[in-house]
Every structure is written in structure tokens, then in C-alpha cells.
């Protein structure tokens, strides 16, 4: 470190380091996105012990996420037409898929335990919805921004309402799924002698 004229310490490499972080961090996030999606699929299809407290915790956390999401969709609806309607439709479709996922999951009743394995095809479908919407949203936003010249109208043309609907499908799926897991655990505990 070098001393400046007024007695303070300076570090000449800090701006270069900050610029490196600004450039490398987004690139790192883009590179790690496929890894996180594959890991999400792997974790989503493993056999798990159904625990009541975990199902309740997941249900409340996803419920809070849904409430925040709908509030954000309502605010977004001020600038993007049909954002709230698409979000509600996606949430309904996700809820229906979550109920289908519960029926398609494999449930194993053991002595004092309950295990479940989510259906691989539904988990894959939800993962592909997320991956596809991310890719489509980036491509569409880039095209709309270039065509719109950077004005505010590109936001609606970028497919924000459709992106919200895709996110709502995921939230609706997990809300219904964890509510069903919680219900099954309660029934299993109540059925024990």
C-alpha cells in the first residue's frame, strides 16, 4: 500500500478488483444457472422422509412467497397489462399440477415413518418450465429492448406477464404439493396405534 500526500492509505488495485467483480459475478451466475437447475431436479426427485414440521415450514414459507408474489404482480399490473390475471391463472394451473403430483408420488408407509418420492416427470416439467421461461425471457427482453429503443414500452413486449405466469405455476405447484404432504403426514400420524 502506498501513502497518499495527505497521510491516507491508498490501494491502486482496488478499482481493477471491483471492475473484475462487476464483470465476473454476472458471468458466474449465468454459468452456474444450469448447474443449479440440474441440482434442483436431482434433489426434487429423491426419496424423502415426510416430516410434519418440515412440511408445515415449507407450506408457510411458500405461502409467504405466494402472498409477496401476488402483491408484486398487482403492482406490476399498473405498468404491464394482464400481469395479475396471468399470475392468478399460473397459480391455479400450478395448484392443479401440485395435486396431480401428490397423486403421482410414491408413498411408502413404514413402522412409524412415511417416505415419499415425487414423480420424476412432473419435477422435470416444472424444472423445464423454469429453464425455458428464463431462456425465453432473456431472448425476448433483449429483442424488445433493441426494437423499442430502450423506452418503457419494451417491458410489456418482453413478456413480463408470461414470465409471472410461469413463476406462479412453480409456486402453485409447491404450495399444493406441500399442503398435501402435510395432510398425509397428519393422517399417517393419526392412523398409528
N, C-alpha and C. Protein backbone atom coordinates (compact mmCIF):
# COMPACT_ATOMS: atom_id res chain seq x y z
N UNK A 1 0.84 -1.17 0.00
CA UNK A 1 0.00 0.00 0.00
C UNK A 1 0.88 1.24 0.00
N UNK A 2 0.41 2.24 -0.63
CA UNK A 2 1.19 3.48 -0.72
C UNK A 2 0.51 4.57 0.09
N UNK A 3 1.30 5.47 0.58
CA UNK A 3 0.75 6.59 1.33
C UNK A 3 0.44 7.72 0.37
N UNK A 4 -0.72 8.28 0.51
CA UNK A 4 -1.09 9.43 -0.30
C UNK A 4 -0.49 10.68 0.32
N UNK A 5 -0.60 11.78 -0.38
CA UNK A 5 0.01 13.04 0.06
C UNK A 5 -0.56 13.52 1.38
N UNK A 6 -1.79 13.23 1.68
CA UNK A 6 -2.43 13.75 2.91
C UNK A 6 -2.35 12.76 4.06
N UNK A 7 -1.61 11.70 3.94
CA UNK A 7 -1.45 10.78 5.05
C UNK A 7 -2.44 9.63 5.06
N UNK A 8 -3.23 9.42 4.01
CA UNK A 8 -4.16 8.30 3.97
C UNK A 8 -3.56 7.18 3.14
N UNK A 9 -4.00 5.98 3.39
CA UNK A 9 -3.51 4.83 2.65
C UNK A 9 -4.34 4.64 1.40
N UNK A 10 -3.72 4.31 0.31
CA UNK A 10 -4.45 4.02 -0.93
C UNK A 10 -4.02 2.65 -1.43
N UNK A 11 -4.87 2.03 -2.19
CA UNK A 11 -4.58 0.72 -2.78
C UNK A 11 -4.88 0.83 -4.27
N UNK A 12 -3.87 0.89 -5.12
CA UNK A 12 -4.10 1.13 -6.54
C UNK A 12 -4.85 0.01 -7.26
N UNK A 13 -4.90 -1.20 -6.74
CA UNK A 13 -5.57 -2.31 -7.42
C UNK A 13 -7.05 -2.42 -7.14
N UNK A 14 -7.59 -1.65 -6.22
CA UNK A 14 -9.00 -1.79 -5.83
C UNK A 14 -9.95 -1.51 -6.98
N UNK A 15 -9.80 -0.45 -7.78
CA UNK A 15 -10.74 -0.25 -8.89
C UNK A 15 -10.72 -1.42 -9.88
N UNK A 16 -9.55 -1.96 -10.13
CA UNK A 16 -9.45 -3.10 -11.04
C UNK A 16 -10.15 -4.32 -10.46
N UNK A 17 -10.00 -4.55 -9.17
CA UNK A 17 -10.66 -5.66 -8.49
C UNK A 17 -12.18 -5.49 -8.51
N UNK A 18 -12.65 -4.28 -8.25
CA UNK A 18 -14.09 -4.01 -8.27
C UNK A 18 -14.65 -4.21 -9.68
N UNK A 19 -13.92 -3.74 -10.69
CA UNK A 19 -14.37 -3.94 -12.06
C UNK A 19 -14.41 -5.42 -12.40
N UNK A 20 -13.43 -6.17 -11.93
CA UNK A 20 -13.41 -7.61 -12.16
C UNK A 20 -14.61 -8.30 -11.53
N UNK A 21 -14.97 -7.90 -10.32
CA UNK A 21 -16.14 -8.48 -9.66
C UNK A 21 -17.42 -8.14 -10.40
N UNK A 22 -17.53 -6.91 -10.88
CA UNK A 22 -18.73 -6.49 -11.61
C UNK A 22 -18.87 -7.28 -12.90
N UNK A 23 -17.78 -7.60 -13.53
CA UNK A 23 -17.84 -8.36 -14.78
C UNK A 23 -17.93 -9.86 -14.57
N UNK A 24 -17.25 -10.38 -13.57
CA UNK A 24 -17.18 -11.83 -13.36
C UNK A 24 -18.41 -12.36 -12.64
N UNK A 25 -18.95 -11.65 -11.70
CA UNK A 25 -20.09 -12.14 -10.92
C UNK A 25 -21.31 -12.47 -11.78
N UNK A 26 -21.76 -11.57 -12.67
CA UNK A 26 -22.89 -11.96 -13.53
C UNK A 26 -22.57 -13.15 -14.43
N UNK A 27 -21.35 -13.20 -14.94
CA UNK A 27 -20.96 -14.33 -15.77
C UNK A 27 -20.98 -15.63 -14.97
N UNK A 28 -20.52 -15.57 -13.75
CA UNK A 28 -20.53 -16.73 -12.87
C UNK A 28 -21.97 -17.20 -12.60
N UNK A 29 -22.87 -16.25 -12.39
CA UNK A 29 -24.27 -16.61 -12.17
C UNK A 29 -24.88 -17.28 -13.40
N UNK A 30 -24.55 -16.79 -14.58
CA UNK A 30 -25.07 -17.39 -15.81
C UNK A 30 -24.51 -18.79 -16.01
N UNK A 31 -23.24 -18.97 -15.72
CA UNK A 31 -22.62 -20.29 -15.88
C UNK A 31 -23.18 -21.29 -14.86
N UNK A 32 -23.44 -20.84 -13.65
CA UNK A 32 -23.93 -21.74 -12.61
C UNK A 32 -25.44 -22.01 -12.69
N UNK A 33 -26.17 -21.27 -13.49
CA UNK A 33 -27.61 -21.48 -13.60
C UNK A 33 -27.97 -22.89 -14.05
N UNK A 34 -27.36 -23.42 -15.11
CA UNK A 34 -27.69 -24.81 -15.48
C UNK A 34 -27.34 -25.81 -14.39
N UNK A 35 -26.25 -25.58 -13.69
CA UNK A 35 -25.86 -26.48 -12.59
C UNK A 35 -26.93 -26.46 -11.51
N UNK A 36 -27.43 -25.27 -11.19
CA UNK A 36 -28.46 -25.18 -10.14
C UNK A 36 -29.77 -25.82 -10.58
N UNK A 37 -30.11 -25.73 -11.88
CA UNK A 37 -31.33 -26.36 -12.36
C UNK A 37 -31.22 -27.89 -12.33
N UNK A 38 -30.07 -28.42 -12.72
CA UNK A 38 -29.86 -29.87 -12.66
C UNK A 38 -29.89 -30.35 -11.21
N UNK A 39 -29.26 -29.60 -10.34
CA UNK A 39 -29.26 -29.96 -8.91
C UNK A 39 -30.67 -29.90 -8.34
N UNK A 40 -31.45 -28.92 -8.77
CA UNK A 40 -32.84 -28.80 -8.31
C UNK A 40 -33.66 -30.02 -8.74
N UNK A 41 -33.43 -30.48 -9.97
CA UNK A 41 -34.13 -31.67 -10.44
C UNK A 41 -33.72 -32.89 -9.63
N UNK A 42 -32.42 -33.06 -9.41
CA UNK A 42 -31.92 -34.21 -8.65
C UNK A 42 -32.49 -34.23 -7.24
N UNK A 43 -32.47 -33.08 -6.59
CA UNK A 43 -32.99 -33.02 -5.22
C UNK A 43 -34.51 -33.18 -5.18
N UNK A 44 -35.17 -32.73 -6.23
CA UNK A 44 -36.63 -32.81 -6.28
C UNK A 44 -37.16 -34.20 -6.53
N UNK A 45 -36.30 -35.13 -6.94
CA UNK A 45 -36.78 -36.48 -7.25
C UNK A 45 -36.24 -37.54 -6.29
N UNK A 46 -35.61 -37.13 -5.21
CA UNK A 46 -35.07 -38.11 -4.26
C UNK A 46 -36.15 -38.56 -3.28
N UNK A 47 -35.95 -39.75 -2.75
CA UNK A 47 -36.84 -40.29 -1.72
C UNK A 47 -36.57 -39.55 -0.43
N UNK A 48 -37.66 -39.10 0.24
CA UNK A 48 -37.50 -38.32 1.46
C UNK A 48 -38.43 -38.82 2.56
N UNK A 49 -37.98 -38.58 3.77
CA UNK A 49 -38.82 -38.85 4.93
C UNK A 49 -39.80 -37.69 5.08
N UNK A 50 -41.07 -38.02 5.17
CA UNK A 50 -42.10 -36.98 5.33
C UNK A 50 -42.14 -36.58 6.80
N UNK A 51 -41.78 -35.36 7.06
CA UNK A 51 -41.79 -34.83 8.42
C UNK A 51 -42.84 -33.73 8.50
N UNK A 52 -43.67 -33.80 9.52
CA UNK A 52 -44.73 -32.82 9.66
C UNK A 52 -44.23 -31.40 9.85
N UNK A 53 -43.21 -31.22 10.68
CA UNK A 53 -42.71 -29.88 10.93
C UNK A 53 -42.08 -29.28 9.68
N UNK A 54 -41.41 -30.10 8.87
CA UNK A 54 -40.79 -29.60 7.65
C UNK A 54 -41.85 -29.24 6.61
N UNK A 55 -42.88 -30.07 6.50
CA UNK A 55 -43.97 -29.77 5.58
C UNK A 55 -44.67 -28.48 5.99
N UNK A 56 -44.87 -28.28 7.29
CA UNK A 56 -45.50 -27.05 7.78
C UNK A 56 -44.62 -25.84 7.51
N UNK A 57 -43.33 -25.97 7.76
CA UNK A 57 -42.40 -24.88 7.49
C UNK A 57 -42.38 -24.52 6.01
N UNK A 58 -42.31 -25.54 5.15
CA UNK A 58 -42.33 -25.29 3.70
C UNK A 58 -43.64 -24.64 3.27
N UNK A 59 -44.74 -25.11 3.83
CA UNK A 59 -46.04 -24.56 3.48
C UNK A 59 -46.15 -23.08 3.85
N UNK A 60 -45.70 -22.72 5.05
CA UNK A 60 -45.75 -21.32 5.45
C UNK A 60 -44.79 -20.46 4.64
N UNK A 61 -43.60 -20.98 4.35
CA UNK A 61 -42.63 -20.21 3.57
C UNK A 61 -43.14 -19.98 2.14
N UNK A 62 -43.70 -21.01 1.54
CA UNK A 62 -44.22 -20.86 0.19
C UNK A 62 -45.47 -20.00 0.20
N UNK A 63 -46.28 -20.11 1.25
CA UNK A 63 -47.45 -19.24 1.37
C UNK A 63 -47.05 -17.77 1.44
N UNK A 64 -45.99 -17.48 2.19
CA UNK A 64 -45.49 -16.09 2.26
C UNK A 64 -44.94 -15.67 0.90
N UNK A 65 -44.28 -16.58 0.19
CA UNK A 65 -43.78 -16.26 -1.14
C UNK A 65 -44.92 -15.98 -2.11
N UNK A 66 -45.98 -16.76 -2.01
CA UNK A 66 -47.14 -16.55 -2.88
C UNK A 66 -47.78 -15.19 -2.60
N UNK A 67 -47.93 -14.86 -1.32
CA UNK A 67 -48.53 -13.56 -0.97
C UNK A 67 -47.68 -12.41 -1.49
N UNK A 68 -46.37 -12.51 -1.32
CA UNK A 68 -45.47 -11.46 -1.82
C UNK A 68 -45.50 -11.41 -3.34
N UNK A 69 -45.53 -12.57 -3.96
CA UNK A 69 -45.58 -12.64 -5.42
C UNK A 69 -46.85 -11.99 -5.96
N UNK A 70 -47.99 -12.28 -5.34
CA UNK A 70 -49.25 -11.69 -5.81
C UNK A 70 -49.27 -10.18 -5.59
N UNK A 71 -48.70 -9.72 -4.49
CA UNK A 71 -48.59 -8.28 -4.26
C UNK A 71 -47.72 -7.64 -5.35
N UNK A 72 -46.59 -8.26 -5.65
CA UNK A 72 -45.73 -7.76 -6.72
C UNK A 72 -46.41 -7.79 -8.07
N UNK A 73 -47.21 -8.83 -8.33
CA UNK A 73 -47.95 -8.91 -9.59
C UNK A 73 -49.01 -7.82 -9.69
N UNK A 74 -49.65 -7.52 -8.56
CA UNK A 74 -50.65 -6.44 -8.56
C UNK A 74 -50.01 -5.09 -8.85
N UNK A 75 -48.83 -4.85 -8.29
CA UNK A 75 -48.12 -3.60 -8.56
C UNK A 75 -47.65 -3.58 -10.01
N UNK A 76 -47.13 -4.69 -10.49
CA UNK A 76 -46.67 -4.78 -11.88
C UNK A 76 -47.81 -4.57 -12.85
N UNK A 77 -49.02 -4.97 -12.45
CA UNK A 77 -50.20 -4.81 -13.30
C UNK A 77 -50.47 -3.35 -13.64
N UNK A 78 -49.94 -2.42 -12.84
CA UNK A 78 -50.10 -1.00 -13.15
C UNK A 78 -49.37 -0.62 -14.44
N UNK A 79 -48.26 -1.30 -14.75
CA UNK A 79 -47.47 -0.98 -15.93
C UNK A 79 -47.57 -2.03 -17.03
N UNK A 80 -47.80 -3.27 -16.63
CA UNK A 80 -47.86 -4.37 -17.60
C UNK A 80 -49.28 -4.94 -17.59
N UNK A 81 -50.00 -4.80 -18.70
CA UNK A 81 -51.37 -5.30 -18.74
C UNK A 81 -51.43 -6.82 -18.50
N UNK A 82 -52.43 -7.24 -17.77
CA UNK A 82 -52.75 -8.65 -17.51
C UNK A 82 -51.73 -9.37 -16.63
N UNK A 83 -50.84 -8.66 -15.98
CA UNK A 83 -49.83 -9.33 -15.14
C UNK A 83 -50.48 -10.09 -13.99
N UNK A 84 -51.45 -9.47 -13.32
CA UNK A 84 -52.11 -10.13 -12.20
C UNK A 84 -52.97 -11.30 -12.67
N UNK A 85 -53.68 -11.12 -13.76
CA UNK A 85 -54.52 -12.20 -14.28
C UNK A 85 -53.69 -13.41 -14.70
N UNK A 86 -52.58 -13.17 -15.36
CA UNK A 86 -51.69 -14.26 -15.75
C UNK A 86 -51.11 -14.95 -14.52
N UNK A 87 -50.79 -14.17 -13.51
CA UNK A 87 -50.23 -14.74 -12.28
C UNK A 87 -51.25 -15.63 -11.59
N UNK A 88 -52.49 -15.18 -11.51
CA UNK A 88 -53.54 -15.99 -10.89
C UNK A 88 -53.82 -17.26 -11.69
N UNK A 89 -53.81 -17.14 -13.02
CA UNK A 89 -54.00 -18.32 -13.86
C UNK A 89 -52.85 -19.31 -13.67
N UNK A 90 -51.63 -18.81 -13.62
CA UNK A 90 -50.47 -19.68 -13.40
C UNK A 90 -50.51 -20.35 -12.04
N UNK A 91 -50.95 -19.60 -11.04
CA UNK A 91 -51.07 -20.16 -9.69
C UNK A 91 -52.11 -21.28 -9.66
N UNK A 92 -53.22 -21.08 -10.35
CA UNK A 92 -54.26 -22.12 -10.42
C UNK A 92 -53.76 -23.36 -11.15
N UNK A 93 -53.08 -23.16 -12.27
CA UNK A 93 -52.54 -24.29 -13.02
C UNK A 93 -51.48 -25.01 -12.18
N UNK A 94 -50.64 -24.27 -11.50
CA UNK A 94 -49.64 -24.89 -10.64
C UNK A 94 -50.27 -25.68 -9.51
N UNK A 95 -51.34 -25.15 -8.93
CA UNK A 95 -52.05 -25.88 -7.87
C UNK A 95 -52.62 -27.20 -8.38
N UNK A 96 -53.18 -27.17 -9.58
CA UNK A 96 -53.70 -28.40 -10.17
C UNK A 96 -52.57 -29.40 -10.43
N UNK A 97 -51.43 -28.90 -10.91
CA UNK A 97 -50.28 -29.78 -11.12
C UNK A 97 -49.75 -30.33 -9.80
N UNK A 98 -49.81 -29.52 -8.74
CA UNK A 98 -49.38 -29.98 -7.42
C UNK A 98 -50.25 -31.12 -6.92
N UNK A 99 -51.55 -31.02 -7.13
CA UNK A 99 -52.45 -32.11 -6.74
C UNK A 99 -52.19 -33.37 -7.57
N UNK A 100 -51.91 -33.17 -8.85
CA UNK A 100 -51.55 -34.29 -9.71
C UNK A 100 -50.22 -34.90 -9.23
N UNK A 101 -49.30 -34.06 -8.82
CA UNK A 101 -48.01 -34.52 -8.30
C UNK A 101 -48.17 -35.34 -7.04
N UNK A 102 -49.08 -34.94 -6.18
CA UNK A 102 -49.35 -35.72 -4.96
C UNK A 102 -49.88 -37.11 -5.31
N UNK A 103 -50.79 -37.15 -6.26
CA UNK A 103 -51.37 -38.44 -6.65
C UNK A 103 -50.33 -39.31 -7.35
N UNK A 104 -49.40 -38.70 -8.07
CA UNK A 104 -48.40 -39.47 -8.82
C UNK A 104 -47.16 -39.81 -7.99
N UNK A 105 -47.03 -39.23 -6.81
CA UNK A 105 -45.87 -39.53 -5.96
C UNK A 105 -45.99 -40.93 -5.39
N UNK A 106 -44.84 -41.52 -5.11
CA UNK A 106 -44.83 -42.84 -4.48
C UNK A 106 -44.74 -42.64 -2.97
N UNK A 107 -45.67 -43.23 -2.24
CA UNK A 107 -45.74 -43.10 -0.79
C UNK A 107 -45.44 -44.45 -0.18
N UNK A 108 -44.54 -44.47 0.78
CA UNK A 108 -44.14 -45.72 1.44
C UNK A 108 -44.40 -45.58 2.93
N UNK A 109 -45.34 -46.39 3.42
CA UNK A 109 -45.67 -46.39 4.84
C UNK A 109 -44.81 -47.45 5.52
N UNK A 110 -44.06 -47.02 6.52
CA UNK A 110 -43.24 -47.95 7.30
C UNK A 110 -43.67 -47.90 8.75
N UNK A 111 -43.00 -48.67 9.58
CA UNK A 111 -43.34 -48.65 11.00
C UNK A 111 -42.95 -47.29 11.61
N UNK A 112 -43.92 -46.45 11.78
CA UNK A 112 -43.70 -45.13 12.38
C UNK A 112 -43.12 -44.10 11.44
N UNK A 113 -42.98 -44.44 10.16
CA UNK A 113 -42.42 -43.49 9.20
C UNK A 113 -43.27 -43.44 7.94
N UNK A 114 -43.10 -42.35 7.23
CA UNK A 114 -43.74 -42.16 5.94
C UNK A 114 -42.71 -41.54 5.01
N UNK A 115 -42.44 -42.22 3.91
CA UNK A 115 -41.49 -41.71 2.91
C UNK A 115 -42.26 -41.40 1.63
N UNK A 116 -41.74 -40.44 0.88
CA UNK A 116 -42.35 -40.13 -0.41
C UNK A 116 -41.27 -39.85 -1.44
N UNK A 117 -41.58 -40.19 -2.67
CA UNK A 117 -40.71 -39.90 -3.81
C UNK A 117 -41.56 -39.17 -4.85
N UNK A 118 -41.26 -37.89 -5.09
CA UNK A 118 -42.03 -37.15 -6.09
C UNK A 118 -41.89 -37.75 -7.49
N UNK A 119 -42.89 -37.55 -8.30
CA UNK A 119 -42.90 -38.05 -9.66
C UNK A 119 -41.84 -37.33 -10.49
N UNK A 120 -40.96 -38.10 -11.12
CA UNK A 120 -39.84 -37.53 -11.89
C UNK A 120 -40.31 -36.67 -13.05
N UNK A 121 -41.37 -37.10 -13.72
CA UNK A 121 -41.83 -36.39 -14.91
C UNK A 121 -42.40 -35.02 -14.56
N UNK A 122 -43.13 -34.95 -13.46
CA UNK A 122 -43.68 -33.64 -13.07
C UNK A 122 -42.58 -32.71 -12.57
N UNK A 123 -41.62 -33.25 -11.83
CA UNK A 123 -40.50 -32.42 -11.38
C UNK A 123 -39.70 -31.93 -12.58
N UNK A 124 -39.50 -32.80 -13.56
CA UNK A 124 -38.81 -32.40 -14.79
C UNK A 124 -39.60 -31.33 -15.53
N UNK A 125 -40.91 -31.49 -15.60
CA UNK A 125 -41.74 -30.50 -16.29
C UNK A 125 -41.64 -29.14 -15.61
N UNK A 126 -41.70 -29.10 -14.28
CA UNK A 126 -41.60 -27.84 -13.55
C UNK A 126 -40.21 -27.22 -13.77
N UNK A 127 -39.17 -28.05 -13.74
CA UNK A 127 -37.80 -27.55 -13.96
C UNK A 127 -37.66 -27.00 -15.37
N UNK A 128 -38.24 -27.67 -16.36
CA UNK A 128 -38.17 -27.19 -17.73
C UNK A 128 -38.98 -25.91 -17.94
N UNK A 129 -40.07 -25.76 -17.21
CA UNK A 129 -40.83 -24.50 -17.27
C UNK A 129 -39.95 -23.35 -16.81
N UNK A 130 -39.25 -23.57 -15.71
CA UNK A 130 -38.37 -22.52 -15.18
C UNK A 130 -37.24 -22.23 -16.16
N UNK A 131 -36.56 -23.27 -16.63
CA UNK A 131 -35.43 -23.07 -17.55
C UNK A 131 -35.87 -22.44 -18.86
N UNK A 132 -36.96 -22.93 -19.41
CA UNK A 132 -37.46 -22.38 -20.67
C UNK A 132 -37.90 -20.94 -20.55
N UNK A 133 -38.53 -20.62 -19.45
CA UNK A 133 -39.01 -19.24 -19.29
C UNK A 133 -37.84 -18.28 -19.06
N UNK A 134 -36.81 -18.74 -18.37
CA UNK A 134 -35.63 -17.90 -18.19
C UNK A 134 -34.98 -17.62 -19.55
N UNK A 135 -34.78 -18.67 -20.34
CA UNK A 135 -34.16 -18.50 -21.66
C UNK A 135 -35.02 -17.64 -22.58
N UNK A 136 -36.30 -17.93 -22.63
CA UNK A 136 -37.20 -17.17 -23.49
C UNK A 136 -37.30 -15.71 -23.02
N UNK A 137 -37.37 -15.52 -21.72
CA UNK A 137 -37.46 -14.15 -21.19
C UNK A 137 -36.24 -13.31 -21.51
N UNK A 138 -35.06 -13.92 -21.40
CA UNK A 138 -33.84 -13.17 -21.73
C UNK A 138 -33.82 -12.82 -23.21
N UNK A 139 -34.12 -13.79 -24.06
CA UNK A 139 -34.11 -13.53 -25.51
C UNK A 139 -35.18 -12.51 -25.90
N UNK A 140 -36.36 -12.65 -25.35
CA UNK A 140 -37.47 -11.74 -25.69
C UNK A 140 -37.21 -10.34 -25.16
N UNK A 141 -36.67 -10.23 -23.96
CA UNK A 141 -36.38 -8.90 -23.40
C UNK A 141 -35.31 -8.20 -24.23
N UNK A 142 -34.31 -8.94 -24.66
CA UNK A 142 -33.25 -8.35 -25.49
C UNK A 142 -33.83 -7.84 -26.81
N UNK A 143 -34.68 -8.66 -27.46
CA UNK A 143 -35.28 -8.24 -28.73
C UNK A 143 -36.19 -7.04 -28.53
N UNK A 144 -37.02 -7.08 -27.49
CA UNK A 144 -37.96 -5.98 -27.25
C UNK A 144 -37.22 -4.69 -26.89
N UNK A 145 -36.16 -4.79 -26.12
CA UNK A 145 -35.40 -3.61 -25.74
C UNK A 145 -34.73 -2.99 -26.95
N UNK A 146 -34.16 -3.82 -27.81
CA UNK A 146 -33.50 -3.31 -29.02
C UNK A 146 -34.51 -2.69 -29.97
N UNK A 147 -35.67 -3.32 -30.12
CA UNK A 147 -36.69 -2.80 -31.02
C UNK A 147 -37.33 -1.54 -30.47
N UNK A 148 -37.49 -1.45 -29.14
CA UNK A 148 -38.14 -0.31 -28.52
C UNK A 148 -37.22 0.86 -28.29
N UNK A 149 -35.94 0.67 -28.51
CA UNK A 149 -35.01 1.77 -28.31
C UNK A 149 -34.75 2.11 -26.86
N UNK A 150 -35.09 1.20 -25.96
CA UNK A 150 -34.80 1.45 -24.55
C UNK A 150 -35.89 2.22 -23.81
N UNK A 151 -37.04 2.49 -24.44
CA UNK A 151 -38.10 3.19 -23.70
C UNK A 151 -38.86 2.20 -22.83
N UNK A 152 -39.81 2.65 -22.06
CA UNK A 152 -40.51 1.81 -21.10
C UNK A 152 -41.46 0.80 -21.72
N UNK A 153 -41.85 0.96 -22.98
CA UNK A 153 -42.79 0.05 -23.62
C UNK A 153 -42.23 -1.34 -23.85
N UNK A 154 -40.94 -1.47 -23.77
CA UNK A 154 -40.34 -2.79 -24.00
C UNK A 154 -40.67 -3.77 -22.89
N UNK A 155 -41.05 -3.25 -21.71
CA UNK A 155 -41.33 -4.12 -20.58
C UNK A 155 -42.51 -5.04 -20.86
N UNK A 156 -43.60 -4.48 -21.38
CA UNK A 156 -44.77 -5.31 -21.70
C UNK A 156 -44.48 -6.22 -22.88
N UNK A 157 -43.72 -5.72 -23.85
CA UNK A 157 -43.41 -6.53 -25.03
C UNK A 157 -42.43 -7.65 -24.69
N UNK A 158 -41.73 -7.54 -23.59
CA UNK A 158 -40.74 -8.55 -23.21
C UNK A 158 -41.38 -9.81 -22.64
N UNK A 159 -42.67 -9.80 -22.42
CA UNK A 159 -43.33 -10.98 -21.90
C UNK A 159 -43.28 -11.10 -20.40
N UNK A 160 -43.34 -9.97 -19.71
CA UNK A 160 -43.27 -9.99 -18.25
C UNK A 160 -44.48 -10.72 -17.66
N UNK A 161 -45.66 -10.51 -18.23
CA UNK A 161 -46.85 -11.17 -17.71
C UNK A 161 -46.73 -12.69 -17.85
N UNK A 162 -46.18 -13.15 -18.98
CA UNK A 162 -46.00 -14.58 -19.17
C UNK A 162 -44.94 -15.14 -18.22
N UNK A 163 -43.91 -14.36 -17.96
CA UNK A 163 -42.88 -14.79 -17.00
C UNK A 163 -43.47 -14.93 -15.61
N UNK A 164 -44.34 -13.99 -15.25
CA UNK A 164 -45.01 -14.08 -13.95
C UNK A 164 -45.89 -15.32 -13.89
N UNK A 165 -46.55 -15.64 -14.98
CA UNK A 165 -47.40 -16.84 -15.02
C UNK A 165 -46.56 -18.09 -14.83
N UNK A 166 -45.38 -18.15 -15.47
CA UNK A 166 -44.51 -19.32 -15.31
C UNK A 166 -44.03 -19.44 -13.87
N UNK A 167 -43.67 -18.32 -13.26
CA UNK A 167 -43.27 -18.36 -11.85
C UNK A 167 -44.41 -18.78 -10.95
N UNK A 168 -45.61 -18.34 -11.28
CA UNK A 168 -46.79 -18.69 -10.48
C UNK A 168 -47.10 -20.18 -10.59
N UNK A 169 -46.83 -20.79 -11.75
CA UNK A 169 -47.04 -22.24 -11.90
C UNK A 169 -46.16 -22.98 -10.89
N UNK A 170 -44.91 -22.56 -10.78
CA UNK A 170 -43.98 -23.20 -9.85
C UNK A 170 -44.44 -23.01 -8.41
N UNK A 171 -44.81 -21.78 -8.06
CA UNK A 171 -45.27 -21.52 -6.69
C UNK A 171 -46.55 -22.28 -6.37
N UNK A 172 -47.49 -22.30 -7.32
CA UNK A 172 -48.74 -23.03 -7.11
C UNK A 172 -48.52 -24.52 -6.95
N UNK A 173 -47.59 -25.07 -7.73
CA UNK A 173 -47.27 -26.49 -7.63
C UNK A 173 -46.77 -26.82 -6.23
N UNK A 174 -45.78 -26.08 -5.77
CA UNK A 174 -45.19 -26.41 -4.46
C UNK A 174 -46.12 -26.06 -3.30
N UNK A 175 -46.96 -25.08 -3.45
CA UNK A 175 -47.94 -24.77 -2.40
C UNK A 175 -48.91 -25.93 -2.22
N UNK A 176 -49.46 -26.40 -3.33
CA UNK A 176 -50.40 -27.53 -3.26
C UNK A 176 -49.69 -28.81 -2.83
N UNK A 177 -48.48 -29.02 -3.32
CA UNK A 177 -47.76 -30.25 -3.01
C UNK A 177 -47.44 -30.33 -1.52
N UNK A 178 -46.88 -29.25 -0.96
CA UNK A 178 -46.52 -29.31 0.46
C UNK A 178 -47.74 -29.31 1.38
N UNK A 179 -48.83 -28.70 0.93
CA UNK A 179 -50.07 -28.80 1.70
C UNK A 179 -50.54 -30.25 1.74
N UNK A 180 -50.40 -30.94 0.61
CA UNK A 180 -50.77 -32.35 0.56
C UNK A 180 -49.85 -33.23 1.38
N UNK A 181 -48.56 -32.94 1.36
CA UNK A 181 -47.61 -33.71 2.18
C UNK A 181 -47.96 -33.53 3.65
N UNK A 182 -48.23 -32.31 4.04
CA UNK A 182 -48.59 -32.03 5.45
C UNK A 182 -49.84 -32.80 5.84
N UNK A 183 -50.82 -32.83 4.97
CA UNK A 183 -52.07 -33.55 5.24
C UNK A 183 -51.83 -35.05 5.36
N UNK A 184 -51.00 -35.59 4.48
CA UNK A 184 -50.69 -37.03 4.54
C UNK A 184 -49.95 -37.39 5.81
N UNK A 185 -49.02 -36.54 6.22
CA UNK A 185 -48.28 -36.80 7.46
C UNK A 185 -49.24 -36.80 8.64
N UNK A 186 -50.15 -35.85 8.68
CA UNK A 186 -51.12 -35.79 9.78
C UNK A 186 -52.00 -37.03 9.81
N UNK A 187 -52.43 -37.48 8.62
CA UNK A 187 -53.25 -38.70 8.56
C UNK A 187 -52.46 -39.92 8.98
N UNK A 188 -51.18 -39.97 8.58
CA UNK A 188 -50.32 -41.10 8.95
C UNK A 188 -50.09 -41.15 10.45
N UNK A 189 -49.83 -40.00 11.05
CA UNK A 189 -49.61 -39.95 12.49
C UNK A 189 -50.89 -40.31 13.24
N UNK A 190 -52.03 -39.85 12.73
CA UNK A 190 -53.30 -40.16 13.37
C UNK A 190 -53.72 -41.61 13.22
N UNK A 191 -53.20 -42.29 12.19
CA UNK A 191 -53.57 -43.68 11.94
C UNK A 191 -52.74 -44.67 12.75
N UNK A 192 -51.64 -44.18 13.33
CA UNK A 192 -50.78 -45.10 14.11
C UNK A 192 -51.49 -45.51 15.40
N UNK A 193 -51.29 -46.78 15.83
CA UNK A 193 -51.96 -47.25 17.06
C UNK A 193 -51.36 -46.64 18.30
